[in-house]
Amino acid sequence: MFNITHRFIRTLALAALFTIPLSLGLAPSVSAGPINLGGTADYAVVGVGGDVNITSDFQIYQSATVINGNVAEGPYTLLTHGIDSTVNGRWDYDLTDADPSQNGYTGNVTGGFHQINLAPVAADARAAALAGSLFAPTQTYAKLDQFDGVSSINGTAGVNVIRITGDSSVKISLTLTGTATSSFIFQFTSATTAGHDVLSLSGMTMNIGAINPDNIYWVFNGNGGDVNINAMADNQTVYGNFIAPDRNITSDHGNVVGRLIGGGSLYGQRLLSIHSGSHVTTPGGQVPDGGSTLALLGMALVGLGLVRFRRGHTLTEPIGNRSLER
């Protein structure tokens, strides 16, 4: 006779509660590339946020706009435009922010709204931008441009650091050549100030071959010019993690496979605006949204409930010529 105690069954149920979400890839993302994204890796869109003196400006709107991934609305952020749009994931907003669902957002968020402390995510965004700016360049160009700059970059396996010293406007294409193990870090060091584009990707597409979009980084550290992604056709896509804390980022009908990390207030109020049919998709399309996590949590709790229901009862099942008793 085997005795299986209630305590043992409960232990199994508790183990399931914590291990099922991990086994299905619903744990927080881990950044494995040359730049540690920290907590920002869990999101497709990160509004870095402001402070008690200067708020940050945040916009996601228009019915054809779709975010395939989670959204982070950082500390002291003001949602100034939130009509329609779809977020296929969670929308996390900081403890200092108003609930977006009660503050003008009228779109659909599949994973729901969750108020959490996002100050660590904001710090991770700034740390990632700083770290990306410190790599020694392996190639340096005045600008990315189809006509008077460079529009095709040959990389090697490993880390390729491309320093761009001037403002860039790419309107046709940008081609990266590398392998599945290649990483590309674009460092923008122009002295252009806010209100003027340091990078404009307009009506163009990127060709990246076997390169993982998650291993492409666009780094804009410190105070400086804006990032503008616009006028993309359905078959035109740009790739990578746009890391621009405390800068303006606008996606106006832009198609991005990667992350948009921007807005802030260290150098005055900055804006992260995604609208007019833009699509932003986390690399790999993995969305650890709150809805799925809650469903798994419910399954585990049901298991615990069944254990309690059966407390004090005897379960007898034949195993060969033996029985199993509790």
C-alpha atoms as a PDB file:
ATOM      1  CA  MET A   1       0.000   0.000   0.000  1.00  0.00           C
ATOM      2  CA  PHE A   2       1.296   3.478  -0.945  1.00  0.00           C
ATOM      3  CA  ASN A   3       0.272   6.492   1.155  1.00  0.00           C
ATOM      4  CA  ILE A   4       0.067   9.783  -0.759  1.00  0.00           C
ATOM      5  CA  THR A   5      -0.553  12.586   1.676  1.00  0.00           C
ATOM      6  CA  HIS A   6      -2.451  15.771   1.051  1.00  0.00           C
ATOM      7  CA  ARG A   7       0.748  17.701   1.685  1.00  0.00           C
ATOM      8  CA  PHE A   8       2.538  15.883  -1.151  1.00  0.00           C
ATOM      9  CA  ILE A   9      -0.261  16.537  -3.631  1.00  0.00           C
ATOM     10  CA  ARG A  10      -0.371  20.180  -2.612  1.00  0.00           C
ATOM     11  CA  THR A  11       3.382  20.426  -3.181  1.00  0.00           C
ATOM     12  CA  LEU A  12       2.928  19.126  -6.711  1.00  0.00           C
ATOM     13  CA  ALA A  13       0.193  21.666  -7.374  1.00  0.00           C
ATOM     14  CA  LEU A  14       2.337  24.518  -6.077  1.00  0.00           C
ATOM     15  CA  ALA A  15       5.194  23.364  -8.282  1.00  0.00           C
ATOM     16  CA  ALA A  16       2.869  23.452 -11.276  1.00  0.00           C
ATOM     17  CA  LEU A  17       1.796  26.966 -10.357  1.00  0.00           C
ATOM     18  CA  PHE A  18       5.327  28.262 -10.743  1.00  0.00           C
ATOM     19  CA  THR A  19       6.777  25.965 -13.394  1.00  0.00           C
ATOM     20  CA  ILE A  20       4.033  25.867 -16.021  1.00  0.00           C
ATOM     21  CA  PRO A  21       4.383  29.548 -16.946  1.00  0.00           C
ATOM     22  CA  LEU A  22       8.158  29.138 -17.158  1.00  0.00           C
ATOM     23  CA  SER A  23       7.943  26.073 -19.370  1.00  0.00           C
ATOM     24  CA  LEU A  24       5.655  27.868 -21.817  1.00  0.00           C
ATOM     25  CA  GLY A  25       7.993  30.832 -22.214  1.00  0.00           C
ATOM     26  CA  LEU A  26       5.888  33.240 -20.163  1.00  0.00           C
ATOM     27  CA  ALA A  27       8.692  34.253 -17.840  1.00  0.00           C
ATOM     28  CA  PRO A  28      10.226  37.716 -18.261  1.00  0.00           C
ATOM     29  CA  SER A  29      12.426  38.002 -21.324  1.00  0.00           C
ATOM     30  CA  VAL A  30      16.174  37.741 -20.975  1.00  0.00           C
ATOM     31  CA  SER A  31      18.394  39.871 -23.200  1.00  0.00           C
ATOM     32  CA  ALA A  32      21.215  37.706 -24.571  1.00  0.00           C
ATOM     33  CA  GLY A  33      22.703  40.116 -27.128  1.00  0.00           C
ATOM     34  CA  PRO A  34      25.743  42.404 -26.780  1.00  0.00           C
ATOM     35  CA  ILE A  35      23.548  45.119 -25.213  1.00  0.00           C
ATOM     36  CA  ASN A  36      21.645  44.120 -22.102  1.00  0.00           C
ATOM     37  CA  LEU A  37      18.110  45.446 -22.549  1.00  0.00           C
ATOM     38  CA  GLY A  38      17.136  44.500 -19.016  1.00  0.00           C
ATOM     39  CA  GLY A  39      13.438  44.896 -18.317  1.00  0.00           C
ATOM     40  CA  THR A  40      12.807  46.637 -21.639  1.00  0.00           C
ATOM     41  CA  ALA A  41      13.195  43.262 -23.352  1.00  0.00           C
ATOM     42  CA  ASP A  42       9.713  42.352 -22.113  1.00  0.00           C
ATOM     43  CA  TYR A  43       8.113  45.057 -24.250  1.00  0.00           C
ATOM     44  CA  ALA A  44       7.568  46.048 -27.874  1.00  0.00           C
ATOM     45  CA  VAL A  45       7.012  49.686 -26.876  1.00  0.00           C
ATOM     46  CA  VAL A  46       8.575  51.495 -23.917  1.00  0.00           C
ATOM     47  CA  GLY A  47       7.666  55.045 -23.018  1.00  0.00           C
ATOM     48  CA  VAL A  48      10.605  55.789 -20.733  1.00  0.00           C
ATOM     49  CA  GLY A  49       8.712  58.400 -18.765  1.00  0.00           C
ATOM     50  CA  GLY A  50       9.443  61.654 -16.979  1.00  0.00           C
ATOM     51  CA  ASP A  51       9.723  62.909 -13.431  1.00  0.00           C
ATOM     52  CA  VAL A  52       7.722  64.861 -10.915  1.00  0.00           C
ATOM     53  CA  ASN A  53       8.718  68.155 -12.568  1.00  0.00           C
ATOM     54  CA  ILE A  54       8.448  67.285 -16.273  1.00  0.00           C
ATOM     55  CA  THR A  55       6.101  64.637 -17.643  1.00  0.00           C
ATOM     56  CA  SER A  56       6.779  62.554 -20.740  1.00  0.00           C
ATOM     57  CA  ASP A  57       4.342  62.517 -23.661  1.00  0.00           C
ATOM     58  CA  PHE A  58       2.940  59.187 -24.924  1.00  0.00           C
ATOM     59  CA  GLN A  59       0.647  58.393 -27.859  1.00  0.00           C
ATOM     60  CA  ILE A  60      -0.668  55.171 -29.430  1.00  0.00           C
ATOM     61  CA  TYR A  61      -3.643  55.733 -31.678  1.00  0.00           C
ATOM     62  CA  GLN A  62      -5.657  55.129 -34.863  1.00  0.00           C
ATOM     63  CA  SER A  63      -7.618  51.969 -35.562  1.00  0.00           C
ATOM     64  CA  ALA A  64      -5.107  50.397 -37.976  1.00  0.00           C
ATOM     65  CA  THR A  65      -2.250  50.772 -35.489  1.00  0.00           C
ATOM     66  CA  VAL A  66      -1.218  47.426 -33.972  1.00  0.00           C
ATOM     67  CA  ILE A  67       1.325  46.621 -31.273  1.00  0.00           C
ATOM     68  CA  ASN A  68       2.212  42.915 -31.218  1.00  0.00           C
ATOM     69  CA  GLY A  69       3.845  42.785 -27.814  1.00  0.00           C
ATOM     70  CA  ASN A  70       3.627  44.455 -24.446  1.00  0.00           C
ATOM     71  CA  VAL A  71       3.524  48.199 -23.793  1.00  0.00           C
ATOM     72  CA  ALA A  72       5.260  50.023 -20.927  1.00  0.00           C
ATOM     73  CA  GLU A  73       4.036  53.481 -19.933  1.00  0.00           C
ATOM     74  CA  GLY A  74       6.826  54.736 -17.707  1.00  0.00           C
ATOM     75  CA  PRO A  75       6.803  57.014 -14.662  1.00  0.00           C
ATOM     76  CA  TYR A  76       5.145  60.435 -14.861  1.00  0.00           C
ATOM     77  CA  THR A  77       3.816  59.852 -18.360  1.00  0.00           C
ATOM     78  CA  LEU A  78       0.893  61.695 -19.866  1.00  0.00           C
ATOM     79  CA  LEU A  79      -1.194  59.752 -22.386  1.00  0.00           C
ATOM     80  CA  THR A  80      -2.150  62.558 -24.783  1.00  0.00           C
ATOM     81  CA  HIS A  81      -3.660  60.470 -27.588  1.00  0.00           C
ATOM     82  CA  GLY A  82      -5.105  56.967 -27.236  1.00  0.00           C
ATOM     83  CA  ILE A  83      -8.001  56.609 -29.632  1.00  0.00           C
ATOM     84  CA  ASP A  84      -8.599  53.090 -30.992  1.00  0.00           C
ATOM     85  CA  SER A  85      -5.519  50.935 -31.908  1.00  0.00           C
ATOM     86  CA  THR A  86      -4.856  47.352 -30.800  1.00  0.00           C
ATOM     87  CA  VAL A  87      -2.284  46.019 -28.347  1.00  0.00           C
ATOM     88  CA  ASN A  88      -1.822  42.264 -28.546  1.00  0.00           C
ATOM     89  CA  GLY A  89      -0.241  41.985 -25.117  1.00  0.00           C
ATOM     90  CA  ARG A  90      -0.233  43.742 -21.741  1.00  0.00           C
ATOM     91  CA  TRP A  91      -0.253  47.454 -21.100  1.00  0.00           C
ATOM     92  CA  ASP A  92       1.794  48.153 -17.973  1.00  0.00           C
ATOM     93  CA  TYR A  93       1.599  51.664 -16.533  1.00  0.00           C
ATOM     94  CA  ASP A  94       3.597  53.154 -13.688  1.00  0.00           C
ATOM     95  CA  LEU A  95       2.417  53.772 -10.151  1.00  0.00           C
ATOM     96  CA  THR A  96       2.579  57.521 -10.876  1.00  0.00           C
ATOM     97  CA  ASP A  97       0.316  57.315 -13.944  1.00  0.00           C
ATOM     98  CA  ALA A  98      -3.431  57.375 -14.405  1.00  0.00           C
ATOM     99  CA  ASP A  99      -5.131  54.189 -15.609  1.00  0.00           C
ATOM    100  CA  PRO A 100      -5.085  54.516 -19.433  1.00  0.00           C
ATOM    101  CA  SER A 101      -8.443  52.746 -19.696  1.00  0.00           C
ATOM    102  CA  GLN A 102      -9.916  55.564 -17.575  1.00  0.00           C
ATOM    103  CA  ASN A 103      -7.833  58.297 -19.157  1.00  0.00           C
ATOM    104  CA  GLY A 104      -8.823  58.385 -22.803  1.00  0.00           C
ATOM    105  CA  TYR A 105      -7.619  55.084 -24.278  1.00  0.00           C
ATOM    106  CA  THR A 106     -10.405  53.516 -26.329  1.00  0.00           C
ATOM    107  CA  GLY A 107      -8.577  50.695 -28.118  1.00  0.00           C
ATOM    108  CA  ASN A 108      -8.266  46.982 -27.396  1.00  0.00           C
ATOM    109  CA  VAL A 109      -5.612  45.537 -25.074  1.00  0.00           C
ATOM    110  CA  THR A 110      -5.722  41.740 -25.039  1.00  0.00           C
ATOM    111  CA  GLY A 111      -3.597  41.336 -21.887  1.00  0.00           C
ATOM    112  CA  GLY A 112      -5.290  44.095 -19.927  1.00  0.00           C
ATOM    113  CA  PHE A 113      -3.938  47.079 -18.001  1.00  0.00           C
ATOM    114  CA  HIS A 114      -1.589  46.524 -15.056  1.00  0.00           C
ATOM    115  CA  GLN A 115      -0.219  49.167 -12.692  1.00  0.00           C
ATOM    116  CA  ILE A 116       3.331  48.310 -11.629  1.00  0.00           C
ATOM    117  CA  ASN A 117       6.586  50.034 -10.753  1.00  0.00           C
ATOM    118  CA  LEU A 118       8.265  50.839 -14.070  1.00  0.00           C
ATOM    119  CA  ALA A 119      11.119  52.936 -12.693  1.00  0.00           C
ATOM    120  CA  PRO A 120      13.524  49.955 -13.084  1.00  0.00           C
ATOM    121  CA  VAL A 121      12.509  49.566 -16.744  1.00  0.00           C
ATOM    122  CA  ALA A 122      13.173  53.265 -17.365  1.00  0.00           C
ATOM    123  CA  ALA A 123      16.595  52.905 -15.721  1.00  0.00           C
ATOM    124  CA  ASP A 124      17.324  49.837 -17.881  1.00  0.00           C
ATOM    125  CA  ALA A 125      16.461  51.815 -21.036  1.00  0.00           C
ATOM    126  CA  ARG A 126      18.937  54.558 -20.168  1.00  0.00           C
ATOM    127  CA  ALA A 127      21.584  52.018 -19.161  1.00  0.00           C
ATOM    128  CA  ALA A 128      21.174  50.182 -22.482  1.00  0.00           C
ATOM    129  CA  ALA A 129      21.621  53.408 -24.466  1.00  0.00           C
ATOM    130  CA  LEU A 130      24.752  54.282 -22.516  1.00  0.00           C
ATOM    131  CA  ALA A 131      26.192  50.785 -22.888  1.00  0.00           C
ATOM    132  CA  GLY A 132      25.541  50.813 -26.631  1.00  0.00           C
ATOM    133  CA  SER A 133      27.321  54.154 -27.031  1.00  0.00           C
ATOM    134  CA  LEU A 134      30.518  52.852 -25.394  1.00  0.00           C
ATOM    135  CA  PHE A 135      31.368  50.139 -27.933  1.00  0.00           C
ATOM    136  CA  ALA A 136      34.370  50.951 -30.108  1.00  0.00           C
ATOM    137  CA  PRO A 137      33.277  51.349 -33.745  1.00  0.00           C
ATOM    138  CA  THR A 138      34.302  48.767 -36.307  1.00  0.00           C
ATOM    139  CA  GLN A 139      33.058  50.942 -39.193  1.00  0.00           C
ATOM    140  CA  THR A 140      32.368  54.687 -39.339  1.00  0.00           C
ATOM    141  CA  TYR A 141      30.289  56.612 -41.876  1.00  0.00           C
ATOM    142  CA  ALA A 142      29.058  60.166 -42.210  1.00  0.00           C
ATOM    143  CA  LYS A 143      25.500  59.042 -42.913  1.00  0.00           C
ATOM    144  CA  LEU A 144      23.182  56.272 -43.993  1.00  0.00           C
ATOM    145  CA  ASP A 145      21.896  57.400 -47.351  1.00  0.00           C
ATOM    146  CA  GLN A 146      21.151  55.855 -50.731  1.00  0.00           C
ATOM    147  CA  PHE A 147      22.902  58.605 -52.685  1.00  0.00           C
ATOM    148  CA  ASP A 148      25.636  60.371 -50.693  1.00  0.00           C
ATOM    149  CA  GLY A 149      26.154  57.928 -47.844  1.00  0.00           C
ATOM    150  CA  VAL A 150      26.230  54.162 -47.380  1.00  0.00           C
ATOM    151  CA  SER A 151      23.232  51.913 -48.035  1.00  0.00           C
ATOM    152  CA  SER A 152      24.859  48.476 -47.801  1.00  0.00           C
ATOM    153  CA  ILE A 153      26.953  47.339 -44.846  1.00  0.00           C
ATOM    154  CA  ASN A 154      28.971  44.133 -44.819  1.00  0.00           C
ATOM    155  CA  GLY A 155      29.355  42.666 -41.366  1.00  0.00           C
ATOM    156  CA  THR A 156      31.099  39.682 -39.882  1.00  0.00           C
ATOM    157  CA  ALA A 157      30.092  37.050 -37.375  1.00  0.00           C
ATOM    158  CA  GLY A 158      30.042  38.611 -33.930  1.00  0.00           C
ATOM    159  CA  VAL A 159      29.534  42.253 -33.021  1.00  0.00           C
ATOM    160  CA  ASN A 160      29.614  44.934 -35.714  1.00  0.00           C
ATOM    161  CA  VAL A 161      29.569  48.516 -34.422  1.00  0.00           C
ATOM    162  CA  ILE A 162      28.564  51.071 -37.048  1.00  0.00           C
ATOM    163  CA  ARG A 163      29.124  54.681 -36.006  1.00  0.00           C
ATOM    164  CA  ILE A 164      27.125  57.302 -37.912  1.00  0.00           C
ATOM    165  CA  THR A 165      28.414  60.832 -37.320  1.00  0.00           C
ATOM    166  CA  GLY A 166      25.827  62.839 -39.272  1.00  0.00           C
ATOM    167  CA  ASP A 167      22.082  62.985 -39.826  1.00  0.00           C
ATOM    168  CA  SER A 168      20.627  60.240 -42.018  1.00  0.00           C
ATOM    169  CA  SER A 169      17.587  59.993 -44.245  1.00  0.00           C
ATOM    170  CA  VAL A 170      17.016  56.584 -45.838  1.00  0.00           C
ATOM    171  CA  LYS A 171      14.262  56.517 -48.442  1.00  0.00           C
ATOM    172  CA  ILE A 172      14.903  53.406 -50.551  1.00  0.00           C
ATOM    173  CA  SER A 173      16.670  50.554 -48.783  1.00  0.00           C
ATOM    174  CA  LEU A 174      19.322  49.495 -46.316  1.00  0.00           C
ATOM    175  CA  THR A 175      21.045  46.122 -46.653  1.00  0.00           C
ATOM    176  CA  LEU A 176      22.956  44.357 -43.898  1.00  0.00           C
ATOM    177  CA  THR A 177      25.102  41.356 -44.733  1.00  0.00           C
ATOM    178  CA  GLY A 178      26.039  38.927 -41.994  1.00  0.00           C
ATOM    179  CA  THR A 179      25.247  35.582 -40.431  1.00  0.00           C
ATOM    180  CA  ALA A 180      22.833  34.259 -37.842  1.00  0.00           C
ATOM    181  CA  THR A 181      25.490  35.038 -35.212  1.00  0.00           C
ATOM    182  CA  SER A 182      26.037  38.643 -36.336  1.00  0.00           C
ATOM    183  CA  SER A 183      25.015  41.645 -34.256  1.00  0.00           C
ATOM    184  CA  PHE A 184      24.826  45.219 -35.520  1.00  0.00           C
ATOM    185  CA  ILE A 185      25.004  48.245 -33.231  1.00  0.00           C
ATOM    186  CA  PHE A 186      24.328  51.587 -34.928  1.00  0.00           C
ATOM    187  CA  GLN A 187      25.671  54.504 -32.898  1.00  0.00           C
ATOM    188  CA  PHE A 188      24.336  57.945 -33.847  1.00  0.00           C
ATOM    189  CA  THR A 189      26.602  60.748 -32.634  1.00  0.00           C
ATOM    190  CA  SER A 190      25.281  63.781 -34.549  1.00  0.00           C
ATOM    191  CA  ALA A 191      24.998  67.034 -32.614  1.00  0.00           C
ATOM    192  CA  THR A 192      21.519  67.660 -34.068  1.00  0.00           C
ATOM    193  CA  THR A 193      19.097  68.867 -31.412  1.00  0.00           C
ATOM    194  CA  ALA A 194      15.546  67.847 -30.501  1.00  0.00           C
ATOM    195  CA  GLY A 195      12.947  68.925 -33.007  1.00  0.00           C
ATOM    196  CA  HIS A 196      15.140  67.863 -35.937  1.00  0.00           C
ATOM    197  CA  ASP A 197      15.617  64.319 -37.247  1.00  0.00           C
ATOM    198  CA  VAL A 198      18.893  62.594 -36.632  1.00  0.00           C
ATOM    199  CA  LEU A 199      17.441  59.503 -38.349  1.00  0.00           C
ATOM    200  CA  SER A 200      14.555  59.339 -40.795  1.00  0.00           C
ATOM    201  CA  LEU A 201      13.500  56.012 -42.296  1.00  0.00           C
ATOM    202  CA  SER A 202      10.873  56.890 -44.872  1.00  0.00           C
ATOM    203  CA  GLY A 203       9.180  54.564 -47.355  1.00  0.00           C
ATOM    204  CA  MET A 204      12.098  52.137 -47.283  1.00  0.00           C
ATOM    205  CA  THR A 205      12.810  48.569 -46.314  1.00  0.00           C
ATOM    206  CA  MET A 206      15.696  46.714 -44.750  1.00  0.00           C
ATOM    207  CA  ASN A 207      17.250  43.551 -46.114  1.00  0.00           C
ATOM    208  CA  ILE A 208      18.857  41.548 -43.314  1.00  0.00           C
ATOM    209  CA  GLY A 209      19.069  37.966 -44.590  1.00  0.00           C
ATOM    210  CA  ALA A 210      19.832  35.512 -41.770  1.00  0.00           C
ATOM    211  CA  ILE A 211      20.500  38.229 -39.170  1.00  0.00           C
ATOM    212  CA  ASN A 212      18.270  38.068 -36.088  1.00  0.00           C
ATOM    213  CA  PRO A 213      16.249  41.323 -35.752  1.00  0.00           C
ATOM    214  CA  ASP A 214      16.777  41.125 -31.993  1.00  0.00           C
ATOM    215  CA  ASN A 215      20.525  41.522 -32.596  1.00  0.00           C
ATOM    216  CA  ILE A 216      20.159  44.869 -34.375  1.00  0.00           C
ATOM    217  CA  TYR A 217      20.400  47.968 -32.157  1.00  0.00           C
ATOM    218  CA  TRP A 218      19.855  51.623 -33.060  1.00  0.00           C
ATOM    219  CA  VAL A 219      21.462  53.583 -30.233  1.00  0.00           C
ATOM    220  CA  PHE A 220      20.759  57.250 -29.489  1.00  0.00           C
ATOM    221  CA  ASN A 221      22.380  58.129 -26.192  1.00  0.00           C
ATOM    222  CA  GLY A 222      21.930  61.401 -24.350  1.00  0.00           C
ATOM    223  CA  ASN A 223      20.337  64.614 -25.574  1.00  0.00           C
ATOM    224  CA  GLY A 224      19.873  64.974 -29.313  1.00  0.00           C
ATOM    225  CA  GLY A 225      17.814  64.709 -32.456  1.00  0.00           C
ATOM    226  CA  ASP A 226      14.671  62.756 -33.212  1.00  0.00           C
ATOM    227  CA  VAL A 227      13.891  59.373 -34.768  1.00  0.00           C
ATOM    228  CA  ASN A 228      11.207  59.321 -37.445  1.00  0.00           C
ATOM    229  CA  ILE A 229       9.866  56.128 -39.086  1.00  0.00           C
ATOM    230  CA  ASN A 230       7.152  56.779 -41.644  1.00  0.00           C
ATOM    231  CA  ALA A 231       5.379  56.066 -44.905  1.00  0.00           C
ATOM    232  CA  MET A 232       6.036  52.326 -45.058  1.00  0.00           C
ATOM    233  CA  ALA A 233       4.124  50.183 -47.511  1.00  0.00           C
ATOM    234  CA  ASP A 234       2.839  46.815 -46.303  1.00  0.00           C
ATOM    235  CA  ASN A 235       5.887  45.037 -47.731  1.00  0.00           C
ATOM    236  CA  GLN A 236       8.402  47.478 -46.241  1.00  0.00           C
ATOM    237  CA  THR A 237       9.845  46.744 -42.802  1.00  0.00           C
ATOM    238  CA  VAL A 238      12.623  48.039 -40.594  1.00  0.00           C
ATOM    239  CA  TYR A 239      14.262  45.833 -37.992  1.00  0.00           C
ATOM    240  CA  GLY A 240      15.864  46.182 -34.606  1.00  0.00           C
ATOM    241  CA  ASN A 241      15.717  47.777 -31.176  1.00  0.00           C
ATOM    242  CA  PHE A 242      15.463  51.565 -31.363  1.00  0.00           C
ATOM    243  CA  ILE A 243      16.934  52.702 -28.035  1.00  0.00           C
ATOM    244  CA  ALA A 244      16.366  56.444 -27.695  1.00  0.00           C
ATOM    245  CA  PRO A 245      15.500  57.306 -24.071  1.00  0.00           C
ATOM    246  CA  ASP A 246      14.865  61.017 -23.544  1.00  0.00           C
ATOM    247  CA  ARG A 247      14.419  61.595 -27.276  1.00  0.00           C
ATOM    248  CA  ASN A 248      11.435  61.970 -29.555  1.00  0.00           C
ATOM    249  CA  ILE A 249      10.395  58.902 -31.555  1.00  0.00           C
ATOM    250  CA  THR A 250       7.567  59.000 -34.087  1.00  0.00           C
ATOM    251  CA  SER A 251       6.220  56.055 -36.041  1.00  0.00           C
ATOM    252  CA  ASP A 252       3.709  57.271 -38.631  1.00  0.00           C
ATOM    253  CA  HIS A 253       2.633  54.278 -40.724  1.00  0.00           C
ATOM    254  CA  GLY A 254       5.878  52.545 -39.875  1.00  0.00           C
ATOM    255  CA  ASN A 255       6.399  48.771 -39.845  1.00  0.00           C
ATOM    256  CA  VAL A 256       8.891  47.746 -37.172  1.00  0.00           C
ATOM    257  CA  VAL A 257       9.995  44.273 -36.149  1.00  0.00           C
ATOM    258  CA  GLY A 258      11.808  45.137 -32.955  1.00  0.00           C
ATOM    259  CA  ARG A 259      11.225  47.625 -30.143  1.00  0.00           C
ATOM    260  CA  LEU A 260      10.614  51.346 -29.856  1.00  0.00           C
ATOM    261  CA  ILE A 261      12.092  52.760 -26.634  1.00  0.00           C
ATOM    262  CA  GLY A 262      11.796  56.510 -26.313  1.00  0.00           C
ATOM    263  CA  GLY A 263      10.184  59.527 -24.735  1.00  0.00           C
ATOM    264  CA  GLY A 264      11.405  60.904 -21.426  1.00  0.00           C
ATOM    265  CA  SER A 265      12.177  64.205 -19.742  1.00  0.00           C
ATOM    266  CA  LEU A 266      15.852  64.493 -18.764  1.00  0.00           C
ATOM    267  CA  TYR A 267      16.354  67.216 -21.389  1.00  0.00           C
ATOM    268  CA  GLY A 268      12.821  68.580 -21.549  1.00  0.00           C
ATOM    269  CA  GLN A 269       9.538  66.908 -22.413  1.00  0.00           C
ATOM    270  CA  ARG A 270       9.950  64.228 -25.064  1.00  0.00           C
ATOM    271  CA  LEU A 271       7.369  62.295 -27.077  1.00  0.00           C
ATOM    272  CA  LEU A 272       6.888  58.670 -28.120  1.00  0.00           C
ATOM    273  CA  SER A 273       4.130  58.633 -30.745  1.00  0.00           C
ATOM    274  CA  ILE A 274       2.947  55.560 -32.664  1.00  0.00           C
ATOM    275  CA  HIS A 275       0.011  56.116 -34.986  1.00  0.00           C
ATOM    276  CA  SER A 276      -1.654  56.067 -38.423  1.00  0.00           C
ATOM    277  CA  GLY A 277      -1.491  52.353 -39.115  1.00  0.00           C
ATOM    278  CA  SER A 278       1.937  51.669 -37.620  1.00  0.00           C
ATOM    279  CA  HIS A 279       2.793  48.083 -36.684  1.00  0.00           C
ATOM    280  CA  VAL A 280       5.376  47.265 -34.006  1.00  0.00           C
ATOM    281  CA  THR A 281       6.116  43.585 -33.390  1.00  0.00           C
ATOM    282  CA  THR A 282       8.448  42.104 -30.783  1.00  0.00           C
ATOM    283  CA  PRO A 283      11.206  40.064 -32.485  1.00  0.00           C
ATOM    284  CA  GLY A 284      10.140  36.443 -32.715  1.00  0.00           C
ATOM    285  CA  GLY A 285       6.493  37.407 -32.236  1.00  0.00           C
ATOM    286  CA  GLN A 286       6.501  36.133 -28.626  1.00  0.00           C
ATOM    287  CA  VAL A 287       3.994  37.982 -26.473  1.00  0.00           C
ATOM    288  CA  PRO A 288       4.101  37.026 -22.776  1.00  0.00           C
ATOM    289  CA  ASP A 289       0.749  38.720 -22.214  1.00  0.00           C
ATOM    290  CA  GLY A 290      -1.085  38.914 -18.928  1.00  0.00           C
ATOM    291  CA  GLY A 291      -4.127  37.044 -20.263  1.00  0.00           C
ATOM    292  CA  SER A 292      -2.205  33.828 -20.907  1.00  0.00           C
ATOM    293  CA  THR A 293      -0.383  34.070 -17.601  1.00  0.00           C
ATOM    294  CA  LEU A 294      -3.624  34.540 -15.705  1.00  0.00           C
ATOM    295  CA  ALA A 295      -5.163  31.560 -17.478  1.00  0.00           C
ATOM    296  CA  LEU A 296      -2.307  29.343 -16.351  1.00  0.00           C
ATOM    297  CA  LEU A 297      -2.590  30.747 -12.849  1.00  0.00           C
ATOM    298  CA  GLY A 298      -6.264  29.842 -12.846  1.00  0.00           C
ATOM    299  CA  MET A 299      -5.462  26.275 -13.898  1.00  0.00           C
ATOM    300  CA  ALA A 300      -3.020  25.898 -11.016  1.00  0.00           C
ATOM    301  CA  LEU A 301      -5.490  27.337  -8.515  1.00  0.00           C
ATOM    302  CA  VAL A 302      -8.170  24.942  -9.737  1.00  0.00           C
ATOM    303  CA  GLY A 303      -5.724  22.124  -9.014  1.00  0.00           C
ATOM    304  CA  LEU A 304      -5.248  23.403  -5.487  1.00  0.00           C
ATOM    305  CA  GLY A 305      -9.008  23.645  -5.059  1.00  0.00           C
ATOM    306  CA  LEU A 306      -9.434  20.026  -6.063  1.00  0.00           C
ATOM    307  CA  VAL A 307      -6.827  19.022  -3.508  1.00  0.00           C
ATOM    308  CA  ARG A 308      -8.739  20.796  -0.761  1.00  0.00           C
ATOM    309  CA  PHE A 309     -12.029  19.300  -1.922  1.00  0.00           C
ATOM    310  CA  ARG A 310     -10.612  15.788  -1.632  1.00  0.00           C
ATOM    311  CA  ARG A 311      -9.129  16.397   1.834  1.00  0.00           C
ATOM    312  CA  GLY A 312     -10.162  13.734   4.284  1.00  0.00           C
ATOM    313  CA  HIS A 313     -11.369  11.362   1.524  1.00  0.00           C
ATOM    314  CA  THR A 314      -9.770   8.049   0.566  1.00  0.00           C
ATOM    315  CA  LEU A 315      -8.749   7.446  -3.033  1.00  0.00           C
ATOM    316  CA  THR A 316      -8.340   3.798  -3.934  1.00  0.00           C
ATOM    317  CA  GLU A 317      -7.075   2.794  -7.361  1.00  0.00           C
ATOM    318  CA  PRO A 318      -5.830  -0.657  -8.372  1.00  0.00           C
ATOM    319  CA  ILE A 319      -2.200  -0.848  -9.452  1.00  0.00           C
ATOM    320  CA  GLY A 320      -1.696  -4.402 -10.512  1.00  0.00           C
ATOM    321  CA  ASN A 321      -2.627  -6.330  -7.390  1.00  0.00           C
ATOM    322  CA  ARG A 322      -1.907  -3.306  -5.136  1.00  0.00           C
ATOM    323  CA  SER A 323      -3.978  -0.267  -4.238  1.00  0.00           C
ATOM    324  CA  LEU A 324      -3.220   3.411  -3.828  1.00  0.00           C
ATOM    325  CA  GLU A 325      -4.610   4.959  -0.657  1.00  0.00           C
ATOM    326  CA  ARG A 326      -4.589   8.378   0.884  1.00  0.00           C
END
